[in-house]
Amino acid sequence: MTQVVELSEAAAYQVKEMMTHNEEEGAFLRVAVHGGGCSGLSYGMGFEREKQDSDTILEQHGLMILVSNEDKAIINGTVIDYKQSLMGGGFTIENPNAIASCGCGSSFRTASKTGNPENC
């Protein structure tokens, strides 16, 4: 069975480092989709202390991840990784449901959900 979201070990390590740095140990990692961006939808990640009734909880690499039931279909099968290079590092997101994304790679759309595109 495909996970809604799969976090690589490198991404989990980076999230844990950020949790420590921001004094958020024990918080959930929220993975979400928001309207906006060049293609209509944007990804979001952040820390939350409370689970909502409409959330699914995943556990990976010692992290508790929240995904709202509304976002599950949009990001089902998504892989989040962390890549480090000479120019710095950043999270990469591979969503098999995305049919188009903007040039900067921070927004996308799916066949069933287009969001509200904004000017980039």
PDB file of N, CA and C in Angstrom:
ATOM      1  N   MET A   1       0.837  -1.182   0.000  1.00  0.00           N
ATOM      2  CA  MET A   1       0.000   0.000   0.000  1.00  0.00           C
ATOM      3  C   MET A   1       0.887   1.253   0.000  1.00  0.00           C
ATOM      4  N   THR A   2       0.563   2.201  -0.852  1.00  0.00           N
ATOM      5  CA  THR A   2       1.322   3.435  -0.959  1.00  0.00           C
ATOM      6  C   THR A   2       1.021   4.350   0.220  1.00  0.00           C
ATOM      7  N   GLN A   3       2.081   4.915   0.799  1.00  0.00           N
ATOM      8  CA  GLN A   3       1.900   5.909   1.851  1.00  0.00           C
ATOM      9  C   GLN A   3       1.368   7.191   1.220  1.00  0.00           C
ATOM     10  N   VAL A   4       0.584   7.936   1.973  1.00  0.00           N
ATOM     11  CA  VAL A   4       0.114   9.236   1.490  1.00  0.00           C
ATOM     12  C   VAL A   4       1.318  10.113   1.202  1.00  0.00           C
ATOM     13  N   VAL A   5       2.243  10.169   2.160  1.00  0.00           N
ATOM     14  CA  VAL A   5       3.484  10.930   2.021  1.00  0.00           C
ATOM     15  C   VAL A   5       4.614  10.045   2.523  1.00  0.00           C
ATOM     16  N   GLU A   6       5.701  10.009   1.777  1.00  0.00           N
ATOM     17  CA  GLU A   6       6.879   9.267   2.209  1.00  0.00           C
ATOM     18  C   GLU A   6       8.020  10.248   2.417  1.00  0.00           C
ATOM     19  N   LEU A   7       8.578  10.257   3.618  1.00  0.00           N
ATOM     20  CA  LEU A   7       9.685  11.122   3.972  1.00  0.00           C
ATOM     21  C   LEU A   7      10.972  10.314   3.886  1.00  0.00           C
ATOM     22  N   SER A   8      11.959  10.803   3.147  1.00  0.00           N
ATOM     23  CA  SER A   8      13.243  10.104   3.090  1.00  0.00           C
ATOM     24  C   SER A   8      13.969  10.271   4.426  1.00  0.00           C
ATOM     25  N   GLU A   9      14.989   9.458   4.648  1.00  0.00           N
ATOM     26  CA  GLU A   9      15.780   9.589   5.875  1.00  0.00           C
ATOM     27  C   GLU A   9      16.437  10.961   5.942  1.00  0.00           C
ATOM     28  N   ALA A  10      16.928  11.453   4.811  1.00  0.00           N
ATOM     29  CA  ALA A  10      17.579  12.771   4.789  1.00  0.00           C
ATOM     30  C   ALA A  10      16.591  13.878   5.150  1.00  0.00           C
ATOM     31  N   ALA A  11      15.370  13.780   4.637  1.00  0.00           N
ATOM     32  CA  ALA A  11      14.349  14.784   4.955  1.00  0.00           C
ATOM     33  C   ALA A  11      13.964  14.692   6.427  1.00  0.00           C
ATOM     34  N   ALA A  12      13.809  13.485   6.946  1.00  0.00           N
ATOM     35  CA  ALA A  12      13.455  13.309   8.357  1.00  0.00           C
ATOM     36  C   ALA A  12      14.542  13.876   9.256  1.00  0.00           C
ATOM     37  N   TYR A  13      15.792  13.628   8.921  1.00  0.00           N
ATOM     38  CA  TYR A  13      16.908  14.164   9.702  1.00  0.00           C
ATOM     39  C   TYR A  13      16.855  15.690   9.725  1.00  0.00           C
ATOM     40  N   GLN A  14      16.615  16.287   8.570  1.00  0.00           N
ATOM     41  CA  GLN A  14      16.562  17.755   8.487  1.00  0.00           C
ATOM     42  C   GLN A  14      15.380  18.307   9.288  1.00  0.00           C
ATOM     43  N   VAL A  15      14.236  17.646   9.211  1.00  0.00           N
ATOM     44  CA  VAL A  15      13.067  18.083   9.976  1.00  0.00           C
ATOM     45  C   VAL A  15      13.365  18.008  11.472  1.00  0.00           C
ATOM     46  N   LYS A  16      13.998  16.921  11.917  1.00  0.00           N
ATOM     47  CA  LYS A  16      14.345  16.780  13.334  1.00  0.00           C
ATOM     48  C   LYS A  16      15.312  17.884  13.769  1.00  0.00           C
ATOM     49  N   GLU A  17      16.275  18.214  12.913  1.00  0.00           N
ATOM     50  CA  GLU A  17      17.206  19.307  13.221  1.00  0.00           C
ATOM     51  C   GLU A  17      16.456  20.633  13.363  1.00  0.00           C
ATOM     52  N   MET A  18      15.511  20.870  12.465  1.00  0.00           N
ATOM     53  CA  MET A  18      14.725  22.098  12.519  1.00  0.00           C
ATOM     54  C   MET A  18      13.849  22.124  13.774  1.00  0.00           C
ATOM     55  N   MET A  19      13.295  20.976  14.141  1.00  0.00           N
ATOM     56  CA  MET A  19      12.487  20.901  15.360  1.00  0.00           C
ATOM     57  C   MET A  19      13.319  21.281  16.584  1.00  0.00           C
ATOM     58  N   THR A  20      14.532  20.751  16.659  1.00  0.00           N
ATOM     59  CA  THR A  20      15.417  21.056  17.778  1.00  0.00           C
ATOM     60  C   THR A  20      15.770  22.540  17.788  1.00  0.00           C
ATOM     61  N   HIS A  21      16.154  23.050  16.623  1.00  0.00           N
ATOM     62  CA  HIS A  21      16.552  24.459  16.514  1.00  0.00           C
ATOM     63  C   HIS A  21      15.409  25.399  16.904  1.00  0.00           C
ATOM     64  N   ASN A  22      14.182  25.035  16.553  1.00  0.00           N
ATOM     65  CA  ASN A  22      13.009  25.880  16.827  1.00  0.00           C
ATOM     66  C   ASN A  22      12.265  25.489  18.103  1.00  0.00           C
ATOM     67  N   GLU A  23      12.888  24.619  18.913  1.00  0.00           N
ATOM     68  CA  GLU A  23      12.292  24.151  20.166  1.00  0.00           C
ATOM     69  C   GLU A  23      10.885  23.586  19.951  1.00  0.00           C
ATOM     70  N   GLU A  24      10.761  22.736  18.943  1.00  0.00           N
ATOM     71  CA  GLU A  24       9.483  22.114  18.595  1.00  0.00           C
ATOM     72  C   GLU A  24       9.519  20.593  18.759  1.00  0.00           C
ATOM     73  N   GLU A  25      10.454  20.085  19.588  1.00  0.00           N
ATOM     74  CA  GLU A  25      10.522  18.647  19.792  1.00  0.00           C
ATOM     75  C   GLU A  25       9.161  18.136  20.262  1.00  0.00           C
ATOM     76  N   GLY A  26       8.749  17.005  19.732  1.00  0.00           N
ATOM     77  CA  GLY A  26       7.472  16.413  20.106  1.00  0.00           C
ATOM     78  C   GLY A  26       6.291  16.920  19.306  1.00  0.00           C
ATOM     79  N   ALA A  27       6.511  17.915  18.447  1.00  0.00           N
ATOM     80  CA  ALA A  27       5.426  18.436  17.615  1.00  0.00           C
ATOM     81  C   ALA A  27       5.190  17.507  16.429  1.00  0.00           C
ATOM     82  N   PHE A  28       4.055  17.680  15.805  1.00  0.00           N
ATOM     83  CA  PHE A  28       3.756  16.989  14.550  1.00  0.00           C
ATOM     84  C   PHE A  28       4.360  17.786  13.403  1.00  0.00           C
ATOM     85  N   LEU A  29       4.707  17.095  12.319  1.00  0.00           N
ATOM     86  CA  LEU A  29       5.047  17.761  11.068  1.00  0.00           C
ATOM     87  C   LEU A  29       3.789  17.772  10.218  1.00  0.00           C
ATOM     88  N   ARG A  30       3.291  18.942   9.889  1.00  0.00           N
ATOM     89  CA  ARG A  30       2.115  19.075   9.016  1.00  0.00           C
ATOM     90  C   ARG A  30       2.602  19.191   7.578  1.00  0.00           C
ATOM     91  N   VAL A  31       2.104  18.333   6.695  1.00  0.00           N
ATOM     92  CA  VAL A  31       2.334  18.434   5.253  1.00  0.00           C
ATOM     93  C   VAL A  31       0.988  18.802   4.649  1.00  0.00           C
ATOM     94  N   ALA A  32       0.954  19.919   3.921  1.00  0.00           N
ATOM     95  CA  ALA A  32      -0.333  20.455   3.471  1.00  0.00           C
ATOM     96  C   ALA A  32      -0.248  20.982   2.045  1.00  0.00           C
ATOM     97  N   VAL A  33      -1.420  21.262   1.501  1.00  0.00           N
ATOM     98  CA  VAL A  33      -1.569  21.891   0.195  1.00  0.00           C
ATOM     99  C   VAL A  33      -2.388  23.156   0.398  1.00  0.00           C
ATOM    100  N   HIS A  34      -1.920  24.253  -0.205  1.00  0.00           N
ATOM    101  CA  HIS A  34      -2.615  25.539  -0.119  1.00  0.00           C
ATOM    102  C   HIS A  34      -2.883  26.043  -1.534  1.00  0.00           C
ATOM    103  N   GLY A  35      -3.909  26.841  -1.703  1.00  0.00           N
ATOM    104  CA  GLY A  35      -4.156  27.488  -2.984  1.00  0.00           C
ATOM    105  C   GLY A  35      -3.137  28.598  -3.207  1.00  0.00           C
ATOM    106  N   GLY A  36      -2.740  28.785  -4.452  1.00  0.00           N
ATOM    107  CA  GLY A  36      -1.811  29.865  -4.792  1.00  0.00           C
ATOM    108  C   GLY A  36      -0.633  29.372  -5.596  1.00  0.00           C
ATOM    109  N   GLY A  37       0.275  30.269  -5.890  1.00  0.00           N
ATOM    110  CA  GLY A  37       1.431  29.948  -6.707  1.00  0.00           C
ATOM    111  C   GLY A  37       1.090  30.050  -8.185  1.00  0.00           C
ATOM    112  N   CYS A  38       2.109  29.956  -9.012  1.00  0.00           N
ATOM    113  CA  CYS A  38       1.941  30.103 -10.463  1.00  0.00           C
ATOM    114  C   CYS A  38       0.976  29.075 -11.058  1.00  0.00           C
ATOM    115  N   SER A  39       1.024  27.847 -10.539  1.00  0.00           N
ATOM    116  CA  SER A  39       0.212  26.775 -11.106  1.00  0.00           C
ATOM    117  C   SER A  39      -1.093  26.534 -10.363  1.00  0.00           C
ATOM    118  N   GLY A  40      -1.303  27.220  -9.250  1.00  0.00           N
ATOM    119  CA  GLY A  40      -2.584  27.125  -8.557  1.00  0.00           C
ATOM    120  C   GLY A  40      -2.559  26.502  -7.181  1.00  0.00           C
ATOM    121  N   LEU A  41      -1.628  25.578  -6.926  1.00  0.00           N
ATOM    122  CA  LEU A  41      -1.518  24.929  -5.622  1.00  0.00           C
ATOM    123  C   LEU A  41      -0.071  24.985  -5.151  1.00  0.00           C
ATOM    124  N   SER A  42       0.125  25.109  -3.852  1.00  0.00           N
ATOM    125  CA  SER A  42       1.471  25.135  -3.272  1.00  0.00           C
ATOM    126  C   SER A  42       1.542  24.166  -2.102  1.00  0.00           C
ATOM    127  N   TYR A  43       2.730  23.632  -1.882  1.00  0.00           N
ATOM    128  CA  TYR A  43       2.964  22.755  -0.748  1.00  0.00           C
ATOM    129  C   TYR A  43       3.289  23.602   0.479  1.00  0.00           C
ATOM    130  N   GLY A  44       2.974  23.058   1.640  1.00  0.00           N
ATOM    131  CA  GLY A  44       3.350  23.693   2.887  1.00  0.00           C
ATOM    132  C   GLY A  44       3.780  22.642   3.890  1.00  0.00           C
ATOM    133  N   MET A  45       4.753  23.003   4.708  1.00  0.00           N
ATOM    134  CA  MET A  45       5.176  22.144   5.805  1.00  0.00           C
ATOM    135  C   MET A  45       5.392  23.032   7.020  1.00  0.00           C
ATOM    136  N   GLY A  46       5.016  22.545   8.174  1.00  0.00           N
ATOM    137  CA  GLY A  46       5.206  23.299   9.402  1.00  0.00           C
ATOM    138  C   GLY A  46       4.989  22.407  10.602  1.00  0.00           C
ATOM    139  N   PHE A  47       5.220  22.964  11.781  1.00  0.00           N
ATOM    140  CA  PHE A  47       5.068  22.207  13.010  1.00  0.00           C
ATOM    141  C   PHE A  47       3.765  22.584  13.695  1.00  0.00           C
ATOM    142  N   GLU A  48       3.093  21.582  14.248  1.00  0.00           N
ATOM    143  CA  GLU A  48       1.844  21.799  14.985  1.00  0.00           C
ATOM    144  C   GLU A  48       1.841  20.927  16.223  1.00  0.00           C
ATOM    145  N   ARG A  49       1.247  21.435  17.264  1.00  0.00           N
ATOM    146  CA  ARG A  49       1.154  20.704  18.540  1.00  0.00           C
ATOM    147  C   ARG A  49      -0.139  19.897  18.648  1.00  0.00           C
ATOM    148  N   GLU A  50      -1.174  20.294  17.899  1.00  0.00           N
ATOM    149  CA  GLU A  50      -2.492  19.666  18.027  1.00  0.00           C
ATOM    150  C   GLU A  50      -2.898  18.971  16.736  1.00  0.00           C
ATOM    151  N   LYS A  51      -3.477  17.795  16.863  1.00  0.00           N
ATOM    152  CA  LYS A  51      -4.054  17.070  15.736  1.00  0.00           C
ATOM    153  C   LYS A  51      -5.508  17.499  15.603  1.00  0.00           C
ATOM    154  N   GLN A  52      -5.971  17.651  14.384  1.00  0.00           N
ATOM    155  CA  GLN A  52      -7.377  17.957  14.114  1.00  0.00           C
ATOM    156  C   GLN A  52      -8.129  16.648  13.848  1.00  0.00           C
ATOM    157  N   ASP A  53      -9.436  16.669  14.048  1.00  0.00           N
ATOM    158  CA  ASP A  53     -10.252  15.478  13.801  1.00  0.00           C
ATOM    159  C   ASP A  53     -10.181  15.028  12.347  1.00  0.00           C
ATOM    160  N   SER A  54      -9.923  15.960  11.446  1.00  0.00           N
ATOM    161  CA  SER A  54      -9.888  15.659  10.014  1.00  0.00           C
ATOM    162  C   SER A  54      -8.481  15.293   9.518  1.00  0.00           C
ATOM    163  N   ASP A  55      -7.565  14.940  10.429  1.00  0.00           N
ATOM    164  CA  ASP A  55      -6.191  14.598  10.069  1.00  0.00           C
ATOM    165  C   ASP A  55      -5.952  13.104  10.070  1.00  0.00           C
ATOM    166  N   THR A  56      -5.061  12.690   9.195  1.00  0.00           N
ATOM    167  CA  THR A  56      -4.498  11.352   9.220  1.00  0.00           C
ATOM    168  C   THR A  56      -3.101  11.488   9.805  1.00  0.00           C
ATOM    169  N   ILE A  57      -2.722  10.561  10.688  1.00  0.00           N
ATOM    170  CA  ILE A  57      -1.388  10.585  11.294  1.00  0.00           C
ATOM    171  C   ILE A  57      -0.556   9.472  10.673  1.00  0.00           C
ATOM    172  N   LEU A  58       0.657   9.820  10.258  1.00  0.00           N
ATOM    173  CA  LEU A  58       1.625   8.856   9.744  1.00  0.00           C
ATOM    174  C   LEU A  58       2.847   8.905  10.655  1.00  0.00           C
ATOM    175  N   GLU A  59       3.532   7.791  10.811  1.00  0.00           N
ATOM    176  CA  GLU A  59       4.779   7.782  11.571  1.00  0.00           C
ATOM    177  C   GLU A  59       5.884   7.257  10.680  1.00  0.00           C
ATOM    178  N   GLN A  60       6.927   8.061  10.532  1.00  0.00           N
ATOM    179  CA  GLN A  60       8.065   7.673   9.696  1.00  0.00           C
ATOM    180  C   GLN A  60       9.348   8.222  10.305  1.00  0.00           C
ATOM    181  N   HIS A  61      10.348   7.369  10.413  1.00  0.00           N
ATOM    182  CA  HIS A  61      11.667   7.763  10.907  1.00  0.00           C
ATOM    183  C   HIS A  61      11.587   8.492  12.245  1.00  0.00           C
ATOM    184  N   GLY A  62      10.659   8.079  13.099  1.00  0.00           N
ATOM    185  CA  GLY A  62      10.527   8.696  14.408  1.00  0.00           C
ATOM    186  C   GLY A  62       9.776  10.012  14.416  1.00  0.00           C
ATOM    187  N   LEU A  63       9.183  10.392  13.292  1.00  0.00           N
ATOM    188  CA  LEU A  63       8.394  11.628  13.202  1.00  0.00           C
ATOM    189  C   LEU A  63       6.918  11.294  13.059  1.00  0.00           C
ATOM    190  N   MET A  64       6.088  12.110  13.664  1.00  0.00           N
ATOM    191  CA  MET A  64       4.646  12.006  13.498  1.00  0.00           C
ATOM    192  C   MET A  64       4.228  13.067  12.478  1.00  0.00           C
ATOM    193  N   ILE A  65       3.599  12.627  11.397  1.00  0.00           N
ATOM    194  CA  ILE A  65       3.246  13.505  10.278  1.00  0.00           C
ATOM    195  C   ILE A  65       1.729  13.612  10.200  1.00  0.00           C
ATOM    196  N   LEU A  66       1.235  14.839  10.033  1.00  0.00           N
ATOM    197  CA  LEU A  66      -0.190  15.087   9.857  1.00  0.00           C
ATOM    198  C   LEU A  66      -0.486  15.462   8.414  1.00  0.00           C
ATOM    199  N   VAL A  67      -1.544  14.875   7.863  1.00  0.00           N
ATOM    200  CA  VAL A  67      -2.062  15.245   6.545  1.00  0.00           C
ATOM    201  C   VAL A  67      -3.572  15.333   6.690  1.00  0.00           C
ATOM    202  N   SER A  68      -4.150  16.453   6.276  1.00  0.00           N
ATOM    203  CA  SER A  68      -5.606  16.570   6.374  1.00  0.00           C
ATOM    204  C   SER A  68      -6.250  15.610   5.375  1.00  0.00           C
ATOM    205  N   ASN A  69      -7.417  15.114   5.729  1.00  0.00           N
ATOM    206  CA  ASN A  69      -8.122  14.197   4.838  1.00  0.00           C
ATOM    207  C   ASN A  69      -8.438  14.861   3.500  1.00  0.00           C
ATOM    208  N   GLU A  70      -8.627  16.177   3.496  1.00  0.00           N
ATOM    209  CA  GLU A  70      -8.894  16.913   2.258  1.00  0.00           C
ATOM    210  C   GLU A  70      -7.686  16.906   1.327  1.00  0.00           C
ATOM    211  N   ASP A  71      -6.474  16.929   1.880  1.00  0.00           N
ATOM    212  CA  ASP A  71      -5.253  16.985   1.068  1.00  0.00           C
ATOM    213  C   ASP A  71      -4.756  15.605   0.630  1.00  0.00           C
ATOM    214  N   LYS A  72      -5.247  14.551   1.248  1.00  0.00           N
ATOM    215  CA  LYS A  72      -4.726  13.210   0.976  1.00  0.00           C
ATOM    216  C   LYS A  72      -4.761  12.830  -0.497  1.00  0.00           C
ATOM    217  N   ALA A  73      -5.873  13.046  -1.171  1.00  0.00           N
ATOM    218  CA  ALA A  73      -5.984  12.653  -2.580  1.00  0.00           C
ATOM    219  C   ALA A  73      -5.037  13.453  -3.470  1.00  0.00           C
ATOM    220  N   ILE A  74      -4.774  14.694  -3.093  1.00  0.00           N
ATOM    221  CA  ILE A  74      -3.918  15.565  -3.903  1.00  0.00           C
ATOM    222  C   ILE A  74      -2.453  15.164  -3.795  1.00  0.00           C
ATOM    223  N   ILE A  75      -2.030  14.696  -2.604  1.00  0.00           N
ATOM    224  CA  ILE A  75      -0.610  14.388  -2.408  1.00  0.00           C
ATOM    225  C   ILE A  75      -0.332  12.901  -2.193  1.00  0.00           C
ATOM    226  N   ASN A  76      -1.319  12.034  -2.428  1.00  0.00           N
ATOM    227  CA  ASN A  76      -1.122  10.604  -2.236  1.00  0.00           C
ATOM    228  C   ASN A  76       0.059  10.099  -3.060  1.00  0.00           C
ATOM    229  N   GLY A  77       1.002   9.444  -2.395  1.00  0.00           N
ATOM    230  CA  GLY A  77       2.177   8.898  -3.071  1.00  0.00           C
ATOM    231  C   GLY A  77       3.338   9.865  -3.185  1.00  0.00           C
ATOM    232  N   THR A  78       3.230  11.042  -2.591  1.00  0.00           N
ATOM    233  CA  THR A  78       4.279  12.061  -2.671  1.00  0.00           C
ATOM    234  C   THR A  78       5.501  11.651  -1.861  1.00  0.00           C
ATOM    235  N   VAL A  79       6.687  11.897  -2.428  1.00  0.00           N
ATOM    236  CA  VAL A  79       7.951  11.618  -1.757  1.00  0.00           C
ATOM    237  C   VAL A  79       8.640  12.951  -1.469  1.00  0.00           C
ATOM    238  N   ILE A  80       8.997  13.153  -0.188  1.00  0.00           N
ATOM    239  CA  ILE A  80       9.706  14.361   0.220  1.00  0.00           C
ATOM    240  C   ILE A  80      11.126  13.965   0.584  1.00  0.00           C
ATOM    241  N   ASP A  81      12.088  14.629  -0.036  1.00  0.00           N
ATOM    242  CA  ASP A  81      13.506  14.355   0.196  1.00  0.00           C
ATOM    243  C   ASP A  81      14.188  15.668   0.558  1.00  0.00           C
ATOM    244  N   TYR A  82      15.414  15.568   1.014  1.00  0.00           N
ATOM    245  CA  TYR A  82      16.222  16.758   1.287  1.00  0.00           C
ATOM    246  C   TYR A  82      17.527  16.580   0.543  1.00  0.00           C
ATOM    247  N   LYS A  83      17.870  17.555  -0.284  1.00  0.00           N
ATOM    248  CA  LYS A  83      19.094  17.511  -1.088  1.00  0.00           C
ATOM    249  C   LYS A  83      20.033  18.620  -0.634  1.00  0.00           C
ATOM    250  N   GLN A  84      21.303  18.290  -0.491  1.00  0.00           N
ATOM    251  CA  GLN A  84      22.327  19.255  -0.112  1.00  0.00           C
ATOM    252  C   GLN A  84      23.263  19.438  -1.298  1.00  0.00           C
ATOM    253  N   SER A  85      23.623  20.687  -1.594  1.00  0.00           N
ATOM    254  CA  SER A  85      24.571  20.967  -2.669  1.00  0.00           C
ATOM    255  C   SER A  85      25.498  22.089  -2.223  1.00  0.00           C
ATOM    256  N   LEU A  86      26.439  22.459  -3.072  1.00  0.00           N
ATOM    257  CA  LEU A  86      27.362  23.551  -2.753  1.00  0.00           C
ATOM    258  C   LEU A  86      26.636  24.884  -2.581  1.00  0.00           C
ATOM    259  N   MET A  87      25.477  25.011  -3.199  1.00  0.00           N
ATOM    260  CA  MET A  87      24.710  26.256  -3.123  1.00  0.00           C
ATOM    261  C   MET A  87      23.719  26.249  -1.961  1.00  0.00           C
ATOM    262  N   GLY A  88      23.717  25.202  -1.161  1.00  0.00           N
ATOM    263  CA  GLY A  88      22.791  25.110  -0.038  1.00  0.00           C
ATOM    264  C   GLY A  88      21.942  23.862  -0.153  1.00  0.00           C
ATOM    265  N   GLY A  89      20.940  23.783   0.669  1.00  0.00           N
ATOM    266  CA  GLY A  89      20.087  22.612   0.658  1.00  0.00           C
ATOM    267  C   GLY A  89      18.627  22.998   0.616  1.00  0.00           C
ATOM    268  N   GLY A  90      17.817  22.014   0.353  1.00  0.00           N
ATOM    269  CA  GLY A  90      16.385  22.266   0.324  1.00  0.00           C
ATOM    270  C   GLY A  90      15.603  20.988   0.150  1.00  0.00           C
ATOM    271  N   PHE A  91      14.333  21.074   0.503  1.00  0.00           N
ATOM    272  CA  PHE A  91      13.430  19.940   0.340  1.00  0.00           C
ATOM    273  C   PHE A  91      13.001  19.835  -1.112  1.00  0.00           C
ATOM    274  N   THR A  92      12.893  18.609  -1.599  1.00  0.00           N
ATOM    275  CA  THR A  92      12.344  18.347  -2.921  1.00  0.00           C
ATOM    276  C   THR A  92      11.088  17.520  -2.736  1.00  0.00           C
ATOM    277  N   ILE A  93      10.102  17.788  -3.572  1.00  0.00           N
ATOM    278  CA  ILE A  93       8.822  17.096  -3.468  1.00  0.00           C
ATOM    279  C   ILE A  93       8.475  16.507  -4.825  1.00  0.00           C
ATOM    280  N   GLU A  94       8.271  15.197  -4.847  1.00  0.00           N
ATOM    281  CA  GLU A  94       7.865  14.501  -6.068  1.00  0.00           C
ATOM    282  C   GLU A  94       6.454  13.984  -5.854  1.00  0.00           C
ATOM    283  N   ASN A  95       5.515  14.601  -6.545  1.00  0.00           N
ATOM    284  CA  ASN A  95       4.108  14.258  -6.413  1.00  0.00           C
ATOM    285  C   ASN A  95       3.639  13.588  -7.700  1.00  0.00           C
ATOM    286  N   PRO A  96       3.284  12.304  -7.657  1.00  0.00           N
ATOM    287  CA  PRO A  96       2.851  11.619  -8.876  1.00  0.00           C
ATOM    288  C   PRO A  96       1.514  12.117  -9.414  1.00  0.00           C
ATOM    289  N   ASN A  97       0.793  12.897  -8.620  1.00  0.00           N
ATOM    290  CA  ASN A  97      -0.502  13.425  -9.046  1.00  0.00           C
ATOM    291  C   ASN A  97      -0.397  14.766  -9.763  1.00  0.00           C
ATOM    292  N   ALA A  98       0.768  15.410  -9.684  1.00  0.00           N
ATOM    293  CA  ALA A  98       0.956  16.720 -10.321  1.00  0.00           C
ATOM    294  C   ALA A  98       1.070  16.528 -11.833  1.00  0.00           C
ATOM    295  N   ILE A  99       0.243  17.252 -12.570  1.00  0.00           N
ATOM    296  CA  ILE A  99       0.310  17.160 -14.035  1.00  0.00           C
ATOM    297  C   ILE A  99       1.023  18.366 -14.633  1.00  0.00           C
ATOM    298  N   ALA A 100       1.221  19.407 -13.823  1.00  0.00           N
ATOM    299  CA  ALA A 100       1.954  20.589 -14.272  1.00  0.00           C
ATOM    300  C   ALA A 100       2.520  21.291 -13.051  1.00  0.00           C
ATOM    301  N   SER A 101       3.672  21.929 -13.234  1.00  0.00           N
ATOM    302  CA  SER A 101       4.257  22.726 -12.160  1.00  0.00           C
ATOM    303  C   SER A 101       4.901  23.956 -12.782  1.00  0.00           C
ATOM    304  N   CYS A 102       5.146  24.945 -11.948  1.00  0.00           N
ATOM    305  CA  CYS A 102       5.739  26.184 -12.455  1.00  0.00           C
ATOM    306  C   CYS A 102       7.255  26.008 -12.584  1.00  0.00           C
ATOM    307  N   GLY A 103       7.881  26.947 -13.220  1.00  0.00           N
ATOM    308  CA  GLY A 103       9.320  26.887 -13.445  1.00  0.00           C
ATOM    309  C   GLY A 103      10.129  26.855 -12.163  1.00  0.00           C
ATOM    310  N   CYS A 104       9.662  27.529 -11.127  1.00  0.00           N
ATOM    311  CA  CYS A 104      10.405  27.554  -9.863  1.00  0.00           C
ATOM    312  C   CYS A 104      10.180  26.282  -9.058  1.00  0.00           C
ATOM    313  N   GLY A 105       9.185  25.460  -9.431  1.00  0.00           N
ATOM    314  CA  GLY A 105       8.950  24.182  -8.784  1.00  0.00           C
ATOM    315  C   GLY A 105       8.206  24.244  -7.470  1.00  0.00           C
ATOM    316  N   SER A 106       7.716  25.413  -7.088  1.00  0.00           N
ATOM    317  CA  SER A 106       7.055  25.512  -5.789  1.00  0.00           C
ATOM    318  C   SER A 106       5.543  25.418  -5.874  1.00  0.00           C
ATOM    319  N   SER A 107       4.983  25.389  -7.071  1.00  0.00           N
ATOM    320  CA  SER A 107       3.539  25.220  -7.187  1.00  0.00           C
ATOM    321  C   SER A 107       3.222  24.196  -8.271  1.00  0.00           C
ATOM    322  N   PHE A 108       1.995  23.692  -8.229  1.00  0.00           N
ATOM    323  CA  PHE A 108       1.610  22.598  -9.119  1.00  0.00           C
ATOM    324  C   PHE A 108       0.105  22.591  -9.288  1.00  0.00           C
ATOM    325  N   ARG A 109      -0.369  21.709 -10.149  1.00  0.00           N
ATOM    326  CA  ARG A 109      -1.800  21.430 -10.247  1.00  0.00           C
ATOM    327  C   ARG A 109      -1.960  19.956 -10.581  1.00  0.00           C
ATOM    328  N   THR A 110      -3.130  19.439 -10.260  1.00  0.00           N
ATOM    329  CA  THR A 110      -3.438  18.046 -10.564  1.00  0.00           C
ATOM    330  C   THR A 110      -4.589  18.032 -11.565  1.00  0.00           C
ATOM    331  N   ALA A 111      -4.922  16.863 -12.066  1.00  0.00           N
ATOM    332  CA  ALA A 111      -6.015  16.751 -13.030  1.00  0.00           C
ATOM    333  C   ALA A 111      -7.346  17.150 -12.407  1.00  0.00           C
ATOM    334  N   SER A 112      -7.504  16.893 -11.103  1.00  0.00           N
ATOM    335  CA  SER A 112      -8.789  17.178 -10.468  1.00  0.00           C
ATOM    336  C   SER A 112      -8.795  18.465  -9.643  1.00  0.00           C
ATOM    337  N   LYS A 113      -7.648  19.058  -9.371  1.00  0.00           N
ATOM    338  CA  LYS A 113      -7.587  20.233  -8.499  1.00  0.00           C
ATOM    339  C   LYS A 113      -6.593  21.216  -9.101  1.00  0.00           C
ATOM    340  N   THR A 114      -7.096  22.399  -9.503  1.00  0.00           N
ATOM    341  CA  THR A 114      -6.223  23.387 -10.130  1.00  0.00           C
ATOM    342  C   THR A 114      -5.895  24.560  -9.229  1.00  0.00           C
ATOM    343  N   GLY A 115      -6.681  24.797  -8.189  1.00  0.00           N
ATOM    344  CA  GLY A 115      -6.416  25.937  -7.321  1.00  0.00           C
ATOM    345  C   GLY A 115      -6.657  27.244  -8.026  1.00  0.00           C
ATOM    346  N   ASN A 116      -6.105  28.324  -7.504  1.00  0.00           N
ATOM    347  CA  ASN A 116      -6.218  29.662  -8.086  1.00  0.00           C
ATOM    348  C   ASN A 116      -4.837  30.192  -8.400  1.00  0.00           C
ATOM    349  N   PRO A 117      -4.384  30.061  -9.656  1.00  0.00           N
ATOM    350  CA  PRO A 117      -3.045  30.535 -10.008  1.00  0.00           C
ATOM    351  C   PRO A 117      -2.875  32.025  -9.728  1.00  0.00           C
ATOM    352  N   GLU A 118      -1.639  32.380  -9.314  1.00  0.00           N
ATOM    353  CA  GLU A 118      -1.251  33.762  -9.088  1.00  0.00           C
ATOM    354  C   GLU A 118      -0.104  34.107 -10.017  1.00  0.00           C
ATOM    355  N   ASN A 119       0.135  35.364 -10.219  1.00  0.00           N
ATOM    356  CA  ASN A 119       1.291  35.783 -11.005  1.00  0.00           C
ATOM    357  C   ASN A 119       2.554  35.528 -10.217  1.00  0.00           C
ATOM    358  N   CYS A 120       3.574  35.001 -10.880  1.00  0.00           N
ATOM    359  CA  CYS A 120       4.857  34.752 -10.212  1.00  0.00           C
ATOM    360  C   CYS A 120       5.824  35.894 -10.425  1.00  0.00           C
TER     361      CYS A 120
END
